[in-house]
Amino acid sequence: MADLASLNDPWQPAVLRLIEMVTAAAAGSGKPVAVCGEAAADPLLALVLAGLGISSLSMAPAALAAVGHGLAAVTLEDCRRAARAACDTDSAASARRIVREMLQRILSPPCER
């Protein structure tokens, strides 16, 4: 199982592309898609999830300020560009890095991990 540990990361591009497929299918039938837990609480990943079409994020109260700050600082188009870039990478580390680089000039430190 240790060989698969690196795949247990919500930043995996394959996972992000799957989320993108789910939100597209849901939009076609008028259904919302929500993400809850640690993935929703990650301030940078929350922006990517919004860009992928996630309509609701649920997280522990301690994460609300950082996620809210990030969402307030960007446009939906910024989120969509970041999501596309993350989906087009080949690893979770690359996805995380490219999004951080793309959005660092917009976001202040409270949203970075």
N, C-alpha and C. Protein backbone atom coordinates (compact mmCIF):
# COMPACT_ATOMS: atom_id res chain seq x y z
N MET A 1 0.80 -1.20 0.00
CA MET A 1 0.00 0.00 0.00
C MET A 1 0.85 1.27 0.00
N ALA A 2 2.05 1.20 0.53
CA ALA A 2 2.91 2.38 0.56
C ALA A 2 3.21 2.88 -0.85
N ASP A 3 3.23 1.97 -1.82
CA ASP A 3 3.49 2.37 -3.20
C ASP A 3 2.37 3.25 -3.75
N LEU A 4 1.19 3.16 -3.18
CA LEU A 4 0.04 3.92 -3.67
C LEU A 4 -0.22 5.19 -2.86
N ALA A 5 0.55 5.41 -1.81
CA ALA A 5 0.32 6.55 -0.93
C ALA A 5 0.33 7.88 -1.67
N SER A 6 1.20 8.02 -2.65
CA SER A 6 1.28 9.29 -3.39
C SER A 6 0.01 9.56 -4.20
N LEU A 7 -0.75 8.52 -4.47
CA LEU A 7 -1.98 8.70 -5.23
C LEU A 7 -3.15 9.17 -4.35
N ASN A 8 -2.96 9.11 -3.05
CA ASN A 8 -4.00 9.53 -2.12
C ASN A 8 -3.85 11.03 -1.84
N ASP A 9 -4.03 11.81 -2.87
CA ASP A 9 -3.84 13.25 -2.79
C ASP A 9 -4.89 13.90 -3.68
N PRO A 10 -5.72 14.78 -3.14
CA PRO A 10 -6.77 15.39 -3.95
C PRO A 10 -6.24 16.28 -5.07
N TRP A 11 -4.95 16.60 -5.04
CA TRP A 11 -4.32 17.40 -6.10
C TRP A 11 -3.93 16.54 -7.30
N GLN A 12 -4.11 15.22 -7.23
CA GLN A 12 -3.77 14.37 -8.37
C GLN A 12 -4.55 14.84 -9.60
N PRO A 13 -3.88 15.10 -10.70
CA PRO A 13 -4.57 15.58 -11.90
C PRO A 13 -5.70 14.65 -12.36
N ALA A 14 -5.53 13.34 -12.20
CA ALA A 14 -6.60 12.42 -12.59
C ALA A 14 -7.85 12.63 -11.72
N VAL A 15 -7.65 12.90 -10.44
CA VAL A 15 -8.78 13.18 -9.54
C VAL A 15 -9.45 14.49 -9.95
N LEU A 16 -8.64 15.49 -10.25
CA LEU A 16 -9.20 16.79 -10.67
C LEU A 16 -9.98 16.65 -11.98
N ARG A 17 -9.47 15.87 -12.91
CA ARG A 17 -10.19 15.66 -14.18
C ARG A 17 -11.49 14.89 -13.94
N LEU A 18 -11.49 13.96 -13.00
CA LEU A 18 -12.72 13.25 -12.65
C LEU A 18 -13.74 14.20 -12.07
N ILE A 19 -13.30 15.09 -11.18
CA ILE A 19 -14.20 16.10 -10.61
C ILE A 19 -14.77 16.97 -11.72
N GLU A 20 -13.93 17.33 -12.68
CA GLU A 20 -14.38 18.15 -13.81
C GLU A 20 -15.48 17.42 -14.60
N MET A 21 -15.30 16.12 -14.82
CA MET A 21 -16.32 15.33 -15.53
C MET A 21 -17.63 15.27 -14.74
N VAL A 22 -17.52 15.10 -13.44
CA VAL A 22 -18.71 15.04 -12.58
C VAL A 22 -19.46 16.36 -12.61
N THR A 23 -18.73 17.48 -12.47
CA THR A 23 -19.42 18.78 -12.46
C THR A 23 -20.05 19.09 -13.81
N ALA A 24 -19.41 18.68 -14.90
CA ALA A 24 -20.01 18.90 -16.24
C ALA A 24 -21.29 18.10 -16.38
N ALA A 25 -21.27 16.85 -15.94
CA ALA A 25 -22.47 16.02 -16.02
C ALA A 25 -23.57 16.57 -15.12
N ALA A 26 -23.19 17.02 -13.94
CA ALA A 26 -24.18 17.58 -13.01
C ALA A 26 -24.79 18.87 -13.56
N ALA A 27 -23.96 19.70 -14.16
CA ALA A 27 -24.47 20.95 -14.73
C ALA A 27 -25.48 20.66 -15.83
N GLY A 28 -25.22 19.62 -16.61
CA GLY A 28 -26.14 19.25 -17.67
C GLY A 28 -27.51 18.81 -17.17
N SER A 29 -27.56 18.36 -15.93
CA SER A 29 -28.84 17.95 -15.37
C SER A 29 -29.32 18.89 -14.27
N GLY A 30 -28.65 20.03 -14.13
CA GLY A 30 -29.08 21.04 -13.17
C GLY A 30 -28.83 20.66 -11.72
N LYS A 31 -27.86 19.83 -11.46
CA LYS A 31 -27.57 19.38 -10.10
C LYS A 31 -26.30 20.04 -9.57
N PRO A 32 -26.29 20.45 -8.32
CA PRO A 32 -25.08 21.01 -7.72
C PRO A 32 -24.13 19.88 -7.30
N VAL A 33 -22.87 20.21 -7.17
CA VAL A 33 -21.85 19.27 -6.69
C VAL A 33 -21.10 19.94 -5.55
N ALA A 34 -20.97 19.22 -4.44
CA ALA A 34 -20.29 19.75 -3.27
C ALA A 34 -19.06 18.91 -2.94
N VAL A 35 -18.09 19.54 -2.30
CA VAL A 35 -16.91 18.85 -1.77
C VAL A 35 -16.81 19.24 -0.31
N CYS A 36 -16.54 18.25 0.52
CA CYS A 36 -16.39 18.55 1.94
C CYS A 36 -15.11 17.91 2.47
N GLY A 37 -14.68 18.42 3.61
CA GLY A 37 -13.52 17.85 4.27
C GLY A 37 -12.23 18.57 3.96
N GLU A 38 -11.13 17.81 4.05
CA GLU A 38 -9.80 18.39 3.90
C GLU A 38 -9.58 19.03 2.54
N ALA A 39 -10.11 18.45 1.48
CA ALA A 39 -9.93 19.03 0.15
C ALA A 39 -10.58 20.41 0.07
N ALA A 40 -11.77 20.55 0.60
CA ALA A 40 -12.46 21.84 0.59
C ALA A 40 -11.77 22.85 1.48
N ALA A 41 -11.09 22.38 2.51
CA ALA A 41 -10.43 23.26 3.48
C ALA A 41 -9.06 23.76 3.02
N ASP A 42 -8.54 23.20 1.95
CA ASP A 42 -7.25 23.64 1.41
C ASP A 42 -7.50 24.92 0.62
N PRO A 43 -6.97 26.06 1.06
CA PRO A 43 -7.29 27.34 0.41
C PRO A 43 -6.98 27.39 -1.08
N LEU A 44 -5.87 26.81 -1.52
CA LEU A 44 -5.56 26.82 -2.95
C LEU A 44 -6.42 25.82 -3.71
N LEU A 45 -6.61 24.65 -3.14
CA LEU A 45 -7.42 23.64 -3.81
C LEU A 45 -8.87 24.09 -3.91
N ALA A 46 -9.36 24.84 -2.94
CA ALA A 46 -10.72 25.36 -3.00
C ALA A 46 -10.92 26.23 -4.24
N LEU A 47 -9.90 26.98 -4.61
CA LEU A 47 -9.98 27.81 -5.81
C LEU A 47 -10.06 26.95 -7.06
N VAL A 48 -9.27 25.89 -7.09
CA VAL A 48 -9.29 24.96 -8.22
C VAL A 48 -10.66 24.28 -8.29
N LEU A 49 -11.18 23.86 -7.15
CA LEU A 49 -12.48 23.21 -7.13
C LEU A 49 -13.58 24.14 -7.66
N ALA A 50 -13.53 25.40 -7.26
CA ALA A 50 -14.49 26.37 -7.79
C ALA A 50 -14.34 26.49 -9.30
N GLY A 51 -13.11 26.50 -9.78
CA GLY A 51 -12.85 26.58 -11.21
C GLY A 51 -13.33 25.35 -11.97
N LEU A 52 -13.40 24.22 -11.29
CA LEU A 52 -13.89 22.98 -11.91
C LEU A 52 -15.41 22.89 -11.89
N GLY A 53 -16.06 23.83 -11.21
CA GLY A 53 -17.52 23.84 -11.19
C GLY A 53 -18.16 23.38 -9.90
N ILE A 54 -17.36 23.17 -8.86
CA ILE A 54 -17.94 22.80 -7.57
C ILE A 54 -18.74 23.99 -7.06
N SER A 55 -19.98 23.72 -6.66
CA SER A 55 -20.86 24.81 -6.25
C SER A 55 -20.93 25.01 -4.74
N SER A 56 -20.40 24.07 -3.97
CA SER A 56 -20.47 24.19 -2.52
C SER A 56 -19.25 23.53 -1.89
N LEU A 57 -18.67 24.21 -0.92
CA LEU A 57 -17.53 23.70 -0.18
C LEU A 57 -17.91 23.65 1.30
N SER A 58 -17.65 22.54 1.94
CA SER A 58 -17.96 22.38 3.36
C SER A 58 -16.67 22.00 4.08
N MET A 59 -16.38 22.72 5.16
CA MET A 59 -15.12 22.50 5.86
C MET A 59 -15.25 22.84 7.32
N ALA A 60 -14.24 22.51 8.08
CA ALA A 60 -14.19 22.86 9.50
C ALA A 60 -14.15 24.39 9.63
N PRO A 61 -14.78 24.92 10.68
CA PRO A 61 -14.78 26.37 10.87
C PRO A 61 -13.40 27.01 10.85
N ALA A 62 -12.39 26.32 11.31
CA ALA A 62 -11.04 26.89 11.34
C ALA A 62 -10.51 27.22 9.95
N ALA A 63 -11.02 26.59 8.91
CA ALA A 63 -10.53 26.83 7.55
C ALA A 63 -11.31 27.92 6.82
N LEU A 64 -12.42 28.33 7.36
CA LEU A 64 -13.29 29.29 6.65
C LEU A 64 -12.61 30.60 6.29
N ALA A 65 -11.86 31.17 7.19
CA ALA A 65 -11.24 32.48 6.91
C ALA A 65 -10.27 32.41 5.75
N ALA A 66 -9.38 31.44 5.75
CA ALA A 66 -8.39 31.34 4.67
C ALA A 66 -9.04 31.03 3.34
N VAL A 67 -10.00 30.12 3.33
CA VAL A 67 -10.69 29.78 2.08
C VAL A 67 -11.51 30.97 1.59
N GLY A 68 -12.21 31.60 2.50
CA GLY A 68 -13.01 32.78 2.13
C GLY A 68 -12.15 33.91 1.59
N HIS A 69 -10.99 34.13 2.22
CA HIS A 69 -10.06 35.16 1.76
C HIS A 69 -9.63 34.87 0.32
N GLY A 70 -9.27 33.62 0.06
CA GLY A 70 -8.83 33.24 -1.28
C GLY A 70 -9.93 33.43 -2.31
N LEU A 71 -11.12 32.97 -2.00
CA LEU A 71 -12.23 33.09 -2.95
C LEU A 71 -12.58 34.56 -3.22
N ALA A 72 -12.46 35.39 -2.20
CA ALA A 72 -12.77 36.81 -2.38
C ALA A 72 -11.72 37.54 -3.20
N ALA A 73 -10.51 37.00 -3.24
CA ALA A 73 -9.39 37.68 -3.90
C ALA A 73 -9.29 37.39 -5.39
N VAL A 74 -10.00 36.40 -5.88
CA VAL A 74 -9.87 35.98 -7.27
C VAL A 74 -11.20 36.05 -7.99
N THR A 75 -11.12 35.97 -9.31
CA THR A 75 -12.34 35.89 -10.11
C THR A 75 -12.60 34.42 -10.46
N LEU A 76 -13.80 34.14 -10.91
CA LEU A 76 -14.11 32.79 -11.35
C LEU A 76 -13.22 32.40 -12.52
N GLU A 77 -12.91 33.36 -13.37
CA GLU A 77 -12.01 33.07 -14.50
C GLU A 77 -10.61 32.72 -14.01
N ASP A 78 -10.11 33.38 -12.96
CA ASP A 78 -8.83 33.01 -12.36
C ASP A 78 -8.88 31.55 -11.90
N CYS A 79 -9.98 31.19 -11.25
CA CYS A 79 -10.15 29.82 -10.76
C CYS A 79 -10.20 28.82 -11.91
N ARG A 80 -10.87 29.17 -12.97
CA ARG A 80 -10.95 28.27 -14.13
C ARG A 80 -9.58 28.08 -14.78
N ARG A 81 -8.81 29.15 -14.90
CA ARG A 81 -7.46 29.03 -15.48
C ARG A 81 -6.57 28.16 -14.59
N ALA A 82 -6.67 28.37 -13.29
CA ALA A 82 -5.87 27.57 -12.36
C ALA A 82 -6.28 26.10 -12.42
N ALA A 83 -7.58 25.85 -12.50
CA ALA A 83 -8.08 24.47 -12.59
C ALA A 83 -7.58 23.79 -13.86
N ARG A 84 -7.64 24.50 -14.98
CA ARG A 84 -7.18 23.93 -16.24
C ARG A 84 -5.70 23.59 -16.16
N ALA A 85 -4.92 24.51 -15.60
CA ALA A 85 -3.48 24.28 -15.48
C ALA A 85 -3.20 23.07 -14.58
N ALA A 86 -3.91 22.96 -13.47
CA ALA A 86 -3.72 21.83 -12.55
C ALA A 86 -4.09 20.51 -13.23
N CYS A 87 -5.16 20.49 -13.97
CA CYS A 87 -5.60 19.28 -14.67
C CYS A 87 -4.60 18.85 -15.74
N ASP A 88 -3.88 19.80 -16.29
CA ASP A 88 -2.95 19.51 -17.38
C ASP A 88 -1.56 19.09 -16.90
N THR A 89 -1.35 18.98 -15.59
CA THR A 89 -0.04 18.56 -15.09
C THR A 89 0.01 17.03 -14.99
N ASP A 90 1.17 16.53 -14.57
CA ASP A 90 1.34 15.08 -14.49
C ASP A 90 1.49 14.55 -13.07
N SER A 91 1.37 15.42 -12.07
CA SER A 91 1.48 14.96 -10.68
C SER A 91 0.80 15.94 -9.74
N ALA A 92 0.52 15.45 -8.55
CA ALA A 92 -0.09 16.31 -7.53
C ALA A 92 0.85 17.46 -7.18
N ALA A 93 2.12 17.17 -7.05
CA ALA A 93 3.09 18.22 -6.70
C ALA A 93 3.15 19.28 -7.78
N SER A 94 3.12 18.87 -9.03
CA SER A 94 3.15 19.83 -10.14
C SER A 94 1.88 20.67 -10.17
N ALA A 95 0.74 20.03 -9.92
CA ALA A 95 -0.53 20.76 -9.91
C ALA A 95 -0.52 21.83 -8.83
N ARG A 96 -0.11 21.44 -7.64
CA ARG A 96 -0.06 22.37 -6.51
C ARG A 96 0.90 23.52 -6.81
N ARG A 97 2.06 23.20 -7.36
CA ARG A 97 3.07 24.23 -7.66
C ARG A 97 2.58 25.22 -8.71
N ILE A 98 2.00 24.70 -9.79
CA ILE A 98 1.57 25.59 -10.87
C ILE A 98 0.45 26.53 -10.41
N VAL A 99 -0.46 26.03 -9.59
CA VAL A 99 -1.54 26.88 -9.09
C VAL A 99 -0.97 27.94 -8.16
N ARG A 100 -0.07 27.56 -7.28
CA ARG A 100 0.55 28.53 -6.38
C ARG A 100 1.26 29.62 -7.18
N GLU A 101 2.01 29.22 -8.20
CA GLU A 101 2.73 30.19 -9.03
C GLU A 101 1.77 31.10 -9.79
N MET A 102 0.68 30.54 -10.31
CA MET A 102 -0.28 31.34 -11.06
C MET A 102 -0.98 32.38 -10.19
N LEU A 103 -1.28 32.00 -8.96
CA LEU A 103 -2.12 32.85 -8.13
C LEU A 103 -1.36 33.64 -7.07
N GLN A 104 -0.05 33.43 -6.94
CA GLN A 104 0.69 34.09 -5.85
C GLN A 104 0.65 35.60 -5.95
N ARG A 105 0.59 36.16 -7.13
CA ARG A 105 0.55 37.62 -7.25
C ARG A 105 -0.81 38.18 -6.85
N ILE A 106 -1.84 37.34 -6.84
CA ILE A 106 -3.18 37.78 -6.46
C ILE A 106 -3.43 37.57 -4.98
N LEU A 107 -2.96 36.43 -4.48
CA LEU A 107 -3.25 36.03 -3.10
C LEU A 107 -2.18 36.52 -2.14
N SER A 108 -2.61 36.88 -0.96
CA SER A 108 -1.66 37.22 0.09
C SER A 108 -1.40 35.97 0.93
N PRO A 109 -0.42 35.97 1.81
CA PRO A 109 -0.02 34.78 2.54
C PRO A 109 -1.12 33.98 3.25
N PRO A 110 -2.23 34.56 3.74
CA PRO A 110 -3.20 33.72 4.44
C PRO A 110 -3.76 32.56 3.61
N CYS A 111 -3.66 32.62 2.29
CA CYS A 111 -4.23 31.58 1.47
C CYS A 111 -3.21 30.55 1.02
N GLU A 112 -1.96 30.78 1.29
CA GLU A 112 -0.92 29.85 0.86
C GLU A 112 -0.62 28.86 1.96
N ARG A 113 -0.28 27.62 1.55
CA ARG A 113 0.05 26.58 2.53
C ARG A 113 1.52 26.30 2.47
